[in-house]
PDB file of N, CA and C in Angstrom:
ATOM      1  N   MET A   1      31.591 -22.608 -19.718  1.00  0.00           N
ATOM      2  CA  MET A   1      31.035 -22.802 -18.522  1.00  0.00           C
ATOM      3  C   MET A   1      30.512 -24.354 -18.718  1.00  0.00           C
ATOM      4  N   ASP A   2      30.957 -25.169 -17.760  1.00  0.00           N
ATOM      5  CA  ASP A   2      30.337 -26.882 -18.027  1.00  0.00           C
ATOM      6  C   ASP A   2      29.239 -26.880 -17.158  1.00  0.00           C
ATOM      7  N   ALA A   3      28.951 -27.949 -18.037  1.00  0.00           N
ATOM      8  CA  ALA A   3      27.011 -28.228 -17.448  1.00  0.00           C
ATOM      9  C   ALA A   3      27.041 -28.099 -16.057  1.00  0.00           C
ATOM     10  N   GLN A   4      27.642 -28.563 -15.411  1.00  0.00           N
ATOM     11  CA  GLN A   4      27.724 -28.353 -13.806  1.00  0.00           C
ATOM     12  C   GLN A   4      27.280 -27.022 -13.060  1.00  0.00           C
ATOM     13  N   ASN A   5      28.230 -26.080 -13.347  1.00  0.00           N
ATOM     14  CA  ASN A   5      27.826 -25.004 -13.089  1.00  0.00           C
ATOM     15  C   ASN A   5      26.811 -24.514 -13.564  1.00  0.00           C
ATOM     16  N   TYR A   6      26.280 -24.792 -14.710  1.00  0.00           N
ATOM     17  CA  TYR A   6      24.787 -24.472 -15.427  1.00  0.00           C
ATOM     18  C   TYR A   6      23.772 -24.657 -14.760  1.00  0.00           C
ATOM     19  N   GLN A   7      24.261 -26.125 -14.280  1.00  0.00           N
ATOM     20  CA  GLN A   7      22.879 -26.374 -13.833  1.00  0.00           C
ATOM     21  C   GLN A   7      22.854 -25.926 -11.925  1.00  0.00           C
ATOM     22  N   GLU A   8      24.024 -25.345 -11.669  1.00  0.00           N
ATOM     23  CA  GLU A   8      24.211 -25.544 -10.456  1.00  0.00           C
ATOM     24  C   GLU A   8      23.232 -23.430 -10.505  1.00  0.00           C
ATOM     25  N   MET A   9      23.598 -23.036 -11.781  1.00  0.00           N
ATOM     26  CA  MET A   9      22.860 -21.503 -12.015  1.00  0.00           C
ATOM     27  C   MET A   9      21.783 -21.697 -11.888  1.00  0.00           C
ATOM     28  N   GLN A  10      20.874 -22.503 -12.667  1.00  0.00           N
ATOM     29  CA  GLN A  10      19.805 -23.282 -12.913  1.00  0.00           C
ATOM     30  C   GLN A  10      18.890 -23.272 -11.393  1.00  0.00           C
ATOM     31  N   ASN A  11      19.571 -24.520 -10.797  1.00  0.00           N
ATOM     32  CA  ASN A  11      19.311 -24.469  -9.699  1.00  0.00           C
ATOM     33  C   ASN A  11      18.818 -23.149  -8.921  1.00  0.00           C
ATOM     34  N   ASN A  12      19.447 -22.609  -8.704  1.00  0.00           N
ATOM     35  CA  ASN A  12      19.765 -21.508  -8.396  1.00  0.00           C
ATOM     36  C   ASN A  12      18.965 -20.293  -8.859  1.00  0.00           C
ATOM     37  N   LEU A  13      18.536 -20.532  -9.727  1.00  0.00           N
ATOM     38  CA  LEU A  13      17.623 -19.399 -10.019  1.00  0.00           C
ATOM     39  C   LEU A  13      16.612 -19.753 -10.066  1.00  0.00           C
ATOM     40  N   ILE A  14      16.286 -21.349  -9.832  1.00  0.00           N
ATOM     41  CA  ILE A  14      14.480 -21.944  -9.658  1.00  0.00           C
ATOM     42  C   ILE A  14      14.481 -22.045  -8.155  1.00  0.00           C
ATOM     43  N   GLU A  15      15.324 -21.900  -7.161  1.00  0.00           N
ATOM     44  CA  GLU A  15      15.013 -21.913  -5.840  1.00  0.00           C
ATOM     45  C   GLU A  15      15.023 -20.397  -5.519  1.00  0.00           C
ATOM     46  N   LYS A  16      15.389 -19.235  -6.309  1.00  0.00           N
ATOM     47  CA  LYS A  16      15.343 -17.660  -5.616  1.00  0.00           C
ATOM     48  C   LYS A  16      13.797 -17.254  -6.650  1.00  0.00           C
ATOM     49  N   ALA A  17      13.078 -18.330  -7.846  1.00  0.00           N
ATOM     50  CA  ALA A  17      12.187 -17.762  -8.006  1.00  0.00           C
ATOM     51  C   ALA A  17      10.989 -18.580  -6.595  1.00  0.00           C
ATOM     52  N   GLU A  18      11.277 -19.442  -6.401  1.00  0.00           N
ATOM     53  CA  GLU A  18      10.598 -20.379  -5.412  1.00  0.00           C
ATOM     54  C   GLU A  18      10.532 -19.449  -4.085  1.00  0.00           C
ATOM     55  N   GLN A  19      11.309 -18.856  -3.354  1.00  0.00           N
ATOM     56  CA  GLN A  19      11.478 -18.076  -2.229  1.00  0.00           C
ATOM     57  C   GLN A  19      10.675 -16.637  -2.742  1.00  0.00           C
ATOM     58  N   PHE A  20      10.782 -15.911  -4.269  1.00  0.00           N
ATOM     59  CA  PHE A  20      10.272 -15.025  -4.410  1.00  0.00           C
ATOM     60  C   PHE A  20       8.719 -15.249  -4.409  1.00  0.00           C
ATOM     61  N   LYS A  21       8.323 -15.922  -5.053  1.00  0.00           N
ATOM     62  CA  LYS A  21       6.923 -16.968  -5.523  1.00  0.00           C
ATOM     63  C   LYS A  21       6.280 -16.844  -3.954  1.00  0.00           C
ATOM     64  N   LYS A  22       6.815 -17.299  -2.979  1.00  0.00           N
ATOM     65  CA  LYS A  22       6.454 -17.775  -1.505  1.00  0.00           C
ATOM     66  C   LYS A  22       6.294 -16.232  -1.019  1.00  0.00           C
ATOM     67  N   LYS A  23       7.377 -15.709  -1.012  1.00  0.00           N
ATOM     68  CA  LYS A  23       6.721 -13.882  -0.305  1.00  0.00           C
ATOM     69  C   LYS A  23       6.212 -13.372  -0.790  1.00  0.00           C
ATOM     70  N   ALA A  24       5.864 -13.606  -2.140  1.00  0.00           N
ATOM     71  CA  ALA A  24       4.749 -12.702  -3.030  1.00  0.00           C
ATOM     72  C   ALA A  24       3.614 -13.214  -2.207  1.00  0.00           C
ATOM     73  N   CYS A  25       2.934 -15.045  -2.232  1.00  0.00           N
ATOM     74  CA  CYS A  25       1.785 -14.880  -1.882  1.00  0.00           C
ATOM     75  C   CYS A  25       2.074 -14.422  -0.025  1.00  0.00           C
ATOM     76  N   GLU A  26       2.805 -14.425   0.675  1.00  0.00           N
ATOM     77  CA  GLU A  26       2.583 -14.152   1.837  1.00  0.00           C
ATOM     78  C   GLU A  26       1.964 -12.853   2.047  1.00  0.00           C
ATOM     79  N   MET A  27       2.843 -11.568   1.324  1.00  0.00           N
ATOM     80  CA  MET A  27       2.604 -10.277   1.078  1.00  0.00           C
ATOM     81  C   MET A  27       0.961 -10.199   0.725  1.00  0.00           C
ATOM     82  N   GLU A  28       0.428 -10.944  -0.364  1.00  0.00           N
ATOM     83  CA  GLU A  28      -0.640 -10.932  -0.222  1.00  0.00           C
ATOM     84  C   GLU A  28      -1.598 -11.729   0.517  1.00  0.00           C
ATOM     85  N   GLU A  29      -1.134 -12.674   1.039  1.00  0.00           N
ATOM     86  CA  GLU A  29      -2.213 -12.744   2.612  1.00  0.00           C
ATOM     87  C   GLU A  29      -2.586 -11.664   3.272  1.00  0.00           C
ATOM     88  N   GLN A  30      -0.852 -10.717   3.493  1.00  0.00           N
ATOM     89  CA  GLN A  30      -1.634  -9.832   4.733  1.00  0.00           C
ATOM     90  C   GLN A  30      -1.582  -8.584   4.233  1.00  0.00           C
ATOM     91  N   VAL A  31      -1.627  -8.144   3.291  1.00  0.00           N
ATOM     92  CA  VAL A  31      -2.297  -7.215   2.282  1.00  0.00           C
ATOM     93  C   VAL A  31      -4.128  -7.530   2.443  1.00  0.00           C
ATOM     94  N   SER A  32      -3.996  -8.887   2.212  1.00  0.00           N
ATOM     95  CA  SER A  32      -5.541  -8.936   1.934  1.00  0.00           C
ATOM     96  C   SER A  32      -6.285  -8.970   3.394  1.00  0.00           C
ATOM     97  N   ALA A  33      -5.448  -9.712   4.271  1.00  0.00           N
ATOM     98  CA  ALA A  33      -5.998  -9.231   5.998  1.00  0.00           C
ATOM     99  C   ALA A  33      -6.278  -7.700   6.255  1.00  0.00           C
ATOM    100  N   ASN A  34      -5.036  -7.060   6.220  1.00  0.00           N
ATOM    101  CA  ASN A  34      -5.195  -5.388   5.741  1.00  0.00           C
ATOM    102  C   ASN A  34      -6.440  -4.848   5.788  1.00  0.00           C
ATOM    103  N   ILE A  35      -6.675  -5.330   4.426  1.00  0.00           N
ATOM    104  CA  ILE A  35      -8.012  -4.437   3.423  1.00  0.00           C
ATOM    105  C   ILE A  35      -9.014  -4.890   4.199  1.00  0.00           C
ATOM    106  N   ASN A  36      -8.927  -6.162   4.622  1.00  0.00           N
ATOM    107  CA  ASN A  36     -10.459  -7.129   5.713  1.00  0.00           C
ATOM    108  C   ASN A  36     -10.876  -5.869   6.237  1.00  0.00           C
ATOM    109  N   ASP A  37      -9.550  -6.118   7.173  1.00  0.00           N
ATOM    110  CA  ASP A  37      -9.629  -5.000   8.869  1.00  0.00           C
ATOM    111  C   ASP A  37     -10.096  -3.839   8.176  1.00  0.00           C
ATOM    112  N   LEU A  38      -9.727  -3.446   7.363  1.00  0.00           N
ATOM    113  CA  LEU A  38     -10.243  -1.730   6.973  1.00  0.00           C
ATOM    114  C   LEU A  38     -11.394  -1.735   6.899  1.00  0.00           C
ATOM    115  N   MET A  39     -11.736  -2.454   6.008  1.00  0.00           N
ATOM    116  CA  MET A  39     -13.355  -2.438   5.563  1.00  0.00           C
ATOM    117  C   MET A  39     -14.096  -2.488   6.892  1.00  0.00           C
ATOM    118  N   VAL A  40     -13.575  -3.452   7.274  1.00  0.00           N
ATOM    119  CA  VAL A  40     -14.993  -3.443   8.523  1.00  0.00           C
ATOM    120  C   VAL A  40     -14.918  -2.351   9.614  1.00  0.00           C
ATOM    121  N   ASN A  41     -13.471  -2.097   9.940  1.00  0.00           N
ATOM    122  CA  ASN A  41     -13.415  -0.414  10.465  1.00  0.00           C
ATOM    123  C   ASN A  41     -14.154   0.323  10.038  1.00  0.00           C
ATOM    124  N   THR A  42     -14.027   0.325   8.661  1.00  0.00           N
ATOM    125  CA  THR A  42     -15.091   1.831   7.672  1.00  0.00           C
ATOM    126  C   THR A  42     -16.773   1.201   8.048  1.00  0.00           C
ATOM    127  N   ALA A  43     -16.630  -0.336   7.949  1.00  0.00           N
ATOM    128  CA  ALA A  43     -18.154   0.081   8.093  1.00  0.00           C
ATOM    129  C   ALA A  43     -18.988  -0.022   9.415  1.00  0.00           C
ATOM    130  N   ASP A  44     -17.315  -0.489  10.745  1.00  0.00           N
ATOM    131  CA  ASP A  44     -18.402   0.046  12.106  1.00  0.00           C
ATOM    132  C   ASP A  44     -18.406   1.859  12.121  1.00  0.00           C
ATOM    133  N   ARG A  45     -17.589   2.405  11.702  1.00  0.00           N
ATOM    134  CA  ARG A  45     -17.768   4.042  11.975  1.00  0.00           C
ATOM    135  C   ARG A  45     -18.831   4.327  11.142  1.00  0.00           C
ATOM    136  N   LEU A  46     -19.233   4.159   9.711  1.00  0.00           N
ATOM    137  CA  LEU A  46     -20.362   4.150   9.025  1.00  0.00           C
ATOM    138  C   LEU A  46     -21.762   4.669   9.570  1.00  0.00           C
ATOM    139  N   ASP A  47     -21.907   2.558  10.520  1.00  0.00           N
ATOM    140  CA  ASP A  47     -22.770   2.315  11.583  1.00  0.00           C
ATOM    141  C   ASP A  47     -22.947   3.058  12.387  1.00  0.00           C
ATOM    142  N   GLN A  48     -22.243   4.082  12.949  1.00  0.00           N
ATOM    143  CA  GLN A  48     -22.305   4.488  14.068  1.00  0.00           C
ATOM    144  C   GLN A  48     -22.587   5.979  13.394  1.00  0.00           C
ATOM    145  N   ALA A  49     -21.829   6.510  12.818  1.00  0.00           N
ATOM    146  CA  ALA A  49     -22.539   7.643  12.107  1.00  0.00           C
ATOM    147  C   ALA A  49     -23.807   7.700  12.047  1.00  0.00           C
ATOM    148  N   ALA A  50     -24.146   6.708  11.052  1.00  0.00           N
ATOM    149  CA  ALA A  50     -25.781   6.450  10.637  1.00  0.00           C
ATOM    150  C   ALA A  50     -26.596   6.493  11.987  1.00  0.00           C
ATOM    151  N   ASP A  51     -26.304   5.889  12.775  1.00  0.00           N
ATOM    152  CA  ASP A  51     -27.122   5.935  13.946  1.00  0.00           C
ATOM    153  C   ASP A  51     -26.415   7.716  14.797  1.00  0.00           C
ATOM    154  N   LYS A  52     -26.199   7.700  14.893  1.00  0.00           N
ATOM    155  CA  LYS A  52     -25.718   9.121  15.422  1.00  0.00           C
ATOM    156  C   LYS A  52     -26.660   9.955  14.796  1.00  0.00           C
ATOM    157  N   MET A  53     -27.043  10.216  13.324  1.00  0.00           N
ATOM    158  CA  MET A  53     -27.808  10.955  12.622  1.00  0.00           C
ATOM    159  C   MET A  53     -28.999  10.371  12.743  1.00  0.00           C
ATOM    160  N   LYS A  54     -29.427   9.562  12.628  1.00  0.00           N
ATOM    161  CA  LYS A  54     -30.914   9.009  13.518  1.00  0.00           C
ATOM    162  C   LYS A  54     -31.348   9.541  14.313  1.00  0.00           C
ATOM    163  N   SER A  55     -30.067   9.806  15.100  1.00  0.00           N
ATOM    164  CA  SER A  55     -30.872  10.561  16.543  1.00  0.00           C
ATOM    165  C   SER A  55     -30.775  11.445  16.436  1.00  0.00           C
ATOM    166  N   THR A  56     -29.815  12.050  15.724  1.00  0.00           N
ATOM    167  CA  THR A  56     -30.361  13.897  15.944  1.00  0.00           C
ATOM    168  C   THR A  56     -31.371  14.234  14.950  1.00  0.00           C
ATOM    169  N   ALA A  57     -31.322  13.744  13.774  1.00  0.00           N
ATOM    170  CA  ALA A  57     -32.631  13.559  13.316  1.00  0.00           C
ATOM    171  C   ALA A  57     -34.076  13.036  14.055  1.00  0.00           C
ATOM    172  N   GLU A  58     -33.978  12.035  14.864  1.00  0.00           N
ATOM    173  CA  GLU A  58     -35.237  11.993  16.034  1.00  0.00           C
ATOM    174  C   GLU A  58     -35.318  12.919  16.830  1.00  0.00           C
ATOM    175  N   PHE A  59     -34.288  13.589  17.591  1.00  0.00           N
ATOM    176  CA  PHE A  59     -34.375  14.795  18.400  1.00  0.00           C
ATOM    177  C   PHE A  59     -34.959  16.543  17.650  1.00  0.00           C
ATOM    178  N   PHE A  60     -34.432  16.121  16.112  1.00  0.00           N
ATOM    179  CA  PHE A  60     -35.259  17.658  15.848  1.00  0.00           C
ATOM    180  C   PHE A  60     -36.497  16.918  15.507  1.00  0.00           C
ATOM    181  N   ARG A  61     -36.796  16.104  15.116  1.00  0.00           N
ATOM    182  CA  ARG A  61     -38.080  16.076  14.649  1.00  0.00           C
ATOM    183  C   ARG A  61     -39.571  15.518  16.304  1.00  0.00           C
ATOM    184  N   ASN A  62     -38.999  15.429  17.462  1.00  0.00           N
ATOM    185  CA  ASN A  62     -39.462  15.757  18.406  1.00  0.00           C
ATOM    186  C   ASN A  62     -39.397  17.117  19.077  1.00  0.00           C
ATOM    187  N   LYS A  63     -38.907  17.984  18.656  1.00  0.00           N
ATOM    188  CA  LYS A  63     -38.532  19.128  18.884  1.00  0.00           C
ATOM    189  C   LYS A  63     -39.131  20.297  18.667  1.00  0.00           C
ATOM    190  N   ASN A  64     -39.432  21.481  19.127  1.00  0.00           N
ATOM    191  CA  ASN A  64     -40.196  22.344  18.024  1.00  0.00           C
ATOM    192  C   ASN A  64     -38.824  23.302  18.291  1.00  0.00           C
ATOM    193  N   VAL A  65     -39.135  24.817  17.519  1.00  0.00           N
ATOM    194  CA  VAL A  65     -37.898  25.345  17.400  1.00  0.00           C
ATOM    195  C   VAL A  65     -37.787  26.062  18.431  1.00  0.00           C
ATOM    196  N   ASN A  66     -39.185  26.446  19.490  1.00  0.00           N
ATOM    197  CA  ASN A  66     -39.029  27.541  21.151  1.00  0.00           C
ATOM    198  C   ASN A  66     -37.944  26.307  21.625  1.00  0.00           C
ATOM    199  N   THR A  67     -38.296  25.014  21.638  1.00  0.00           N
ATOM    200  CA  THR A  67     -37.844  23.428  22.322  1.00  0.00           C
ATOM    201  C   THR A  67     -36.162  23.759  22.240  1.00  0.00           C
ATOM    202  N   ILE A  68     -35.944  24.224  20.987  1.00  0.00           N
ATOM    203  CA  ILE A  68     -34.375  24.180  20.231  1.00  0.00           C
ATOM    204  C   ILE A  68     -33.654  25.600  20.818  1.00  0.00           C
ATOM    205  N   LYS A  69     -34.228  26.795  20.574  1.00  0.00           N
ATOM    206  CA  LYS A  69     -33.747  28.030  21.241  1.00  0.00           C
ATOM    207  C   LYS A  69     -33.482  27.565  23.176  1.00  0.00           C
ATOM    208  N   GLU A  70     -34.422  27.230  23.657  1.00  0.00           N
ATOM    209  CA  GLU A  70     -34.411  27.232  24.809  1.00  0.00           C
ATOM    210  C   GLU A  70     -33.350  26.449  24.903  1.00  0.00           C
ATOM    211  N   ASP A  71     -33.232  25.078  24.712  1.00  0.00           N
ATOM    212  CA  ASP A  71     -32.018  24.422  24.992  1.00  0.00           C
ATOM    213  C   ASP A  71     -30.326  24.998  24.602  1.00  0.00           C
ATOM    214  N   VAL A  72     -30.488  25.738  23.928  1.00  0.00           N
ATOM    215  CA  VAL A  72     -28.988  26.495  22.807  1.00  0.00           C
ATOM    216  C   VAL A  72     -29.142  27.687  24.178  1.00  0.00           C
ATOM    217  N   SER A  73     -30.014  28.392  24.292  1.00  0.00           N
ATOM    218  CA  SER A  73     -29.656  29.286  25.589  1.00  0.00           C
ATOM    219  C   SER A  73     -29.397  28.794  26.886  1.00  0.00           C
ATOM    220  N   VAL A  74     -29.633  27.220  27.613  1.00  0.00           N
ATOM    221  CA  VAL A  74     -29.634  27.348  28.286  1.00  0.00           C
ATOM    222  C   VAL A  74     -28.185  26.436  28.130  1.00  0.00           C
ATOM    223  N   MET A  75     -27.328  25.813  26.732  1.00  0.00           N
ATOM    224  CA  MET A  75     -26.216  25.259  26.458  1.00  0.00           C
ATOM    225  C   MET A  75     -25.215  26.965  27.023  1.00  0.00           C
ATOM    226  N   VAL A  76     -25.638  27.535  26.233  1.00  0.00           N
ATOM    227  CA  VAL A  76     -24.985  28.653  26.177  1.00  0.00           C
ATOM    228  C   VAL A  76     -24.619  29.446  27.222  1.00  0.00           C
ATOM    229  N   ARG A  77     -25.630  29.739  28.177  1.00  0.00           N
ATOM    230  CA  ARG A  77     -25.225  30.121  29.837  1.00  0.00           C
ATOM    231  C   ARG A  77     -24.095  29.108  30.570  1.00  0.00           C
ATOM    232  N   ASN A  78     -24.643  28.005  30.423  1.00  0.00           N
ATOM    233  CA  ASN A  78     -23.562  26.967  31.518  1.00  0.00           C
ATOM    234  C   ASN A  78     -22.504  26.421  30.814  1.00  0.00           C
ATOM    235  N   ASN A  79     -22.270  27.173  29.034  1.00  0.00           N
ATOM    236  CA  ASN A  79     -20.668  26.828  28.710  1.00  0.00           C
ATOM    237  C   ASN A  79     -20.600  27.820  27.778  1.00  0.00           C
ATOM    238  N   PRO A  80     -19.908  29.085  28.441  1.00  0.00           N
ATOM    239  CA  PRO A  80     -20.063  30.400  27.466  1.00  0.00           C
ATOM    240  C   PRO A  80     -18.816  30.179  26.696  1.00  0.00           C
ATOM    241  N   GLY A  81     -17.526  29.831  26.995  1.00  0.00           N
ATOM    242  CA  GLY A  81     -16.391  29.535  26.447  1.00  0.00           C
ATOM    243  C   GLY A  81     -16.131  28.847  25.628  1.00  0.00           C
ATOM    244  N   LYS A  82     -17.117  27.538  25.767  1.00  0.00           N
ATOM    245  CA  LYS A  82     -17.316  26.521  24.567  1.00  0.00           C
ATOM    246  C   LYS A  82     -18.345  26.912  23.702  1.00  0.00           C
ATOM    247  N   SER A  83     -19.063  28.278  24.089  1.00  0.00           N
ATOM    248  CA  SER A  83     -19.958  28.269  23.218  1.00  0.00           C
ATOM    249  C   SER A  83     -19.311  29.173  22.000  1.00  0.00           C
ATOM    250  N   LEU A  84     -18.351  30.282  22.727  1.00  0.00           N
ATOM    251  CA  LEU A  84     -17.956  31.252  22.051  1.00  0.00           C
ATOM    252  C   LEU A  84     -16.627  30.976  20.914  1.00  0.00           C
ATOM    253  N   LEU A  85     -16.104  30.069  21.529  1.00  0.00           N
ATOM    254  CA  LEU A  85     -15.396  28.970  20.930  1.00  0.00           C
ATOM    255  C   LEU A  85     -15.958  28.430  19.786  1.00  0.00           C
ATOM    256  N   GLY A  86     -16.729  28.219  19.741  1.00  0.00           N
ATOM    257  CA  GLY A  86     -18.032  26.586  18.999  1.00  0.00           C
ATOM    258  C   GLY A  86     -18.138  28.435  17.903  1.00  0.00           C
ATOM    259  N   ALA A  87     -18.704  29.359  18.107  1.00  0.00           N
ATOM    260  CA  ALA A  87     -18.827  30.761  17.391  1.00  0.00           C
ATOM    261  C   ALA A  87     -18.330  31.080  16.135  1.00  0.00           C
ATOM    262  N   ILE A  88     -17.184  30.703  17.010  1.00  0.00           N
ATOM    263  CA  ILE A  88     -15.949  31.298  16.212  1.00  0.00           C
ATOM    264  C   ILE A  88     -15.795  30.568  15.222  1.00  0.00           C
ATOM    265  N   ALA A  89     -15.319  29.477  15.415  1.00  0.00           N
ATOM    266  CA  ALA A  89     -15.308  28.453  14.840  1.00  0.00           C
ATOM    267  C   ALA A  89     -16.210  28.262  13.668  1.00  0.00           C
ATOM    268  N   ILE A  90     -17.394  28.279  14.030  1.00  0.00           N
ATOM    269  CA  ILE A  90     -18.788  28.304  12.987  1.00  0.00           C
ATOM    270  C   ILE A  90     -18.529  29.294  11.777  1.00  0.00           C
ATOM    271  N   GLY A  91     -17.976  30.710  12.349  1.00  0.00           N
ATOM    272  CA  GLY A  91     -17.868  31.971  11.660  1.00  0.00           C
ATOM    273  C   GLY A  91     -16.888  31.671  10.447  1.00  0.00           C
ATOM    274  N   PHE A  92     -15.860  30.919  11.020  1.00  0.00           N
ATOM    275  CA  PHE A  92     -14.172  30.960  10.179  1.00  0.00           C
ATOM    276  C   PHE A  92     -15.719  29.963   9.170  1.00  0.00           C
ATOM    277  N   LEU A  93     -15.315  29.419   9.448  1.00  0.00           N
ATOM    278  CA  LEU A  93     -16.016  27.994   8.464  1.00  0.00           C
ATOM    279  C   LEU A  93     -16.719  28.656   7.374  1.00  0.00           C
ATOM    280  N   VAL A  94     -17.885  29.061   7.650  1.00  0.00           N
ATOM    281  CA  VAL A  94     -18.760  29.818   6.937  1.00  0.00           C
ATOM    282  C   VAL A  94     -17.824  31.086   6.055  1.00  0.00           C
ATOM    283  N   GLY A  95     -17.389  32.019   6.685  1.00  0.00           N
ATOM    284  CA  GLY A  95     -15.958  32.356   5.850  1.00  0.00           C
ATOM    285  C   GLY A  95     -15.544  32.070   4.971  1.00  0.00           C
ATOM    286  N   LYS A  96     -14.800  30.747   5.485  1.00  0.00           N
ATOM    287  CA  LYS A  96     -13.944  30.286   4.034  1.00  0.00           C
ATOM    288  C   LYS A  96     -15.008  29.978   2.594  1.00  0.00           C
ATOM    289  N   ILE A  97     -16.068  29.247   2.968  1.00  0.00           N
ATOM    290  CA  ILE A  97     -17.246  28.429   2.540  1.00  0.00           C
ATOM    291  C   ILE A  97     -17.535  29.860   1.204  1.00  0.00           C
ATOM    292  N   LEU A  98     -18.057  30.717   1.971  1.00  0.00           N
ATOM    293  CA  LEU A  98     -18.542  32.111   0.841  1.00  0.00           C
ATOM    294  C   LEU A  98     -17.854  32.673   0.192  1.00  0.00           C
ATOM    295  N   PHE A  99     -15.985  32.530   1.106  1.00  0.00           N
ATOM    296  CA  PHE A  99     -15.206  33.206  -0.257  1.00  0.00           C
ATOM    297  C   PHE A  99     -14.021  32.401  -0.723  1.00  0.00           C
ATOM    298  N   ARG A 100     -14.571  31.136  -1.162  1.00  0.00           N
ATOM    299  CA  ARG A 100     -13.869  30.373  -1.738  1.00  0.00           C
ATOM    300  C   ARG A 100     -13.893  31.085  -3.688  1.00  0.00           C
TER     301      ARG A 100
END
Protein backbone atom coordinates (compact mmCIF):
# COMPACT_ATOMS: atom_id res chain seq x y z
CA MET A 1 0.00 0.00 0.00
CA ASP A 2 1.50 3.28 -1.00
CA ALA A 3 1.41 6.51 0.97
CA GLN A 4 -1.27 8.09 -1.23
CA ASN A 5 -3.76 5.24 -0.69
CA TYR A 6 -3.00 5.27 3.01
CA GLN A 7 -3.65 9.03 3.14
CA GLU A 8 -6.96 8.62 1.23
CA MET A 9 -8.12 5.92 3.64
CA GLN A 10 -7.18 8.08 6.58
CA ASN A 11 -9.05 11.07 5.11
CA ASN A 12 -12.11 8.89 4.43
CA LEU A 13 -12.08 7.64 8.01
CA ILE A 14 -11.80 11.18 9.34
CA GLU A 15 -14.67 12.30 7.10
CA LYS A 16 -16.85 9.38 8.20
CA ALA A 17 -16.05 10.10 11.86
CA GLU A 18 -17.05 13.75 11.41
CA GLN A 19 -20.31 12.71 9.70
CA PHE A 20 -21.01 10.28 12.52
CA LYS A 21 -20.31 12.97 15.11
CA LYS A 22 -22.60 15.44 13.31
CA LYS A 23 -25.41 12.86 13.11
CA ALA A 24 -24.97 12.01 16.80
CA CYS A 25 -25.25 15.70 17.72
CA GLU A 26 -28.42 16.05 15.64
CA MET A 27 -29.92 12.99 17.30
CA GLU A 28 -28.97 14.32 20.73
CA GLU A 29 -30.76 17.60 20.00
CA GLN A 30 -33.85 15.75 18.76
CA VAL A 31 -33.97 13.46 21.79
CA SER A 32 -33.49 16.43 24.09
CA ALA A 33 -36.37 18.29 22.43
CA ASN A 34 -38.61 15.20 22.67
CA ILE A 35 -37.80 14.77 26.35
CA ASN A 36 -38.55 18.43 26.98
CA ASP A 37 -41.92 18.14 25.20
CA LEU A 38 -42.74 15.02 27.19
CA MET A 39 -41.89 16.75 30.46
CA VAL A 40 -44.08 19.75 29.59
CA ASN A 41 -47.00 17.50 28.63
CA THR A 42 -46.60 15.44 31.80
CA ALA A 43 -46.49 18.58 33.94
CA ASP A 44 -49.66 19.88 32.27
CA ARG A 45 -51.49 16.61 32.86
CA LEU A 46 -50.38 16.49 36.48
CA ASP A 47 -51.64 20.06 36.95
CA GLN A 48 -54.99 19.08 35.44
CA ALA A 49 -55.22 16.02 37.69
CA ALA A 50 -54.38 18.12 40.75
CA ASP A 51 -57.06 20.66 39.81
CA LYS A 52 -59.65 17.90 39.40
CA MET A 53 -58.68 16.38 42.75
CA LYS A 54 -58.95 19.79 44.39
CA SER A 55 -62.41 20.42 42.92
CA THR A 56 -63.54 16.94 43.99
CA ALA A 57 -62.27 17.52 47.51
CA GLU A 58 -64.08 20.88 47.65
CA PHE A 59 -67.26 19.20 46.37
CA PHE A 60 -67.18 16.62 49.16
CA ARG A 61 -66.15 19.18 51.75
CA ASN A 62 -69.20 21.31 50.93
CA LYS A 63 -71.68 18.40 50.92
CA ASN A 64 -73.02 16.19 53.65
CA VAL A 65 -73.81 12.48 53.31
CA ASN A 66 -77.53 12.98 52.69
CA THR A 67 -76.91 15.50 49.91
CA ILE A 68 -74.44 13.14 48.23
CA LYS A 69 -76.94 10.25 48.47
CA GLU A 70 -79.62 12.43 46.88
CA ASP A 71 -77.26 13.47 44.07
CA VAL A 72 -76.35 9.84 43.39
CA SER A 73 -80.02 8.81 43.41
CA VAL A 74 -80.89 11.51 40.87
CA MET A 75 -77.97 10.49 38.66
CA VAL A 76 -78.99 6.81 38.78
CA ARG A 77 -82.61 7.67 37.92
CA ASN A 78 -81.52 9.87 35.01
CA ASN A 79 -78.89 7.41 33.68
CA PRO A 80 -79.85 3.84 34.64
CA GLY A 81 -77.81 2.15 31.89
CA LYS A 82 -74.62 4.04 32.64
CA SER A 83 -75.15 3.51 36.37
CA LEU A 84 -75.53 -0.24 35.88
CA LEU A 85 -72.39 -0.43 33.75
CA GLY A 86 -70.50 1.64 36.33
CA ALA A 87 -71.64 -0.65 39.15
CA ILE A 88 -70.55 -3.72 37.17
CA ALA A 89 -67.15 -2.17 36.46
CA ILE A 90 -66.64 -1.20 40.10
CA GLY A 91 -67.66 -4.69 41.24
CA PHE A 92 -65.25 -6.26 38.78
CA LEU A 93 -62.37 -4.06 39.96
CA VAL A 94 -63.12 -4.67 43.64
CA GLY A 95 -63.27 -8.42 42.96
CA LYS A 96 -59.92 -8.32 41.16
CA ILE A 97 -58.33 -6.39 44.02
CA LEU A 98 -59.73 -8.60 46.78
CA PHE A 99 -58.96 -11.94 45.15
CA ARG A 100 -55.40 -11.28 44.08
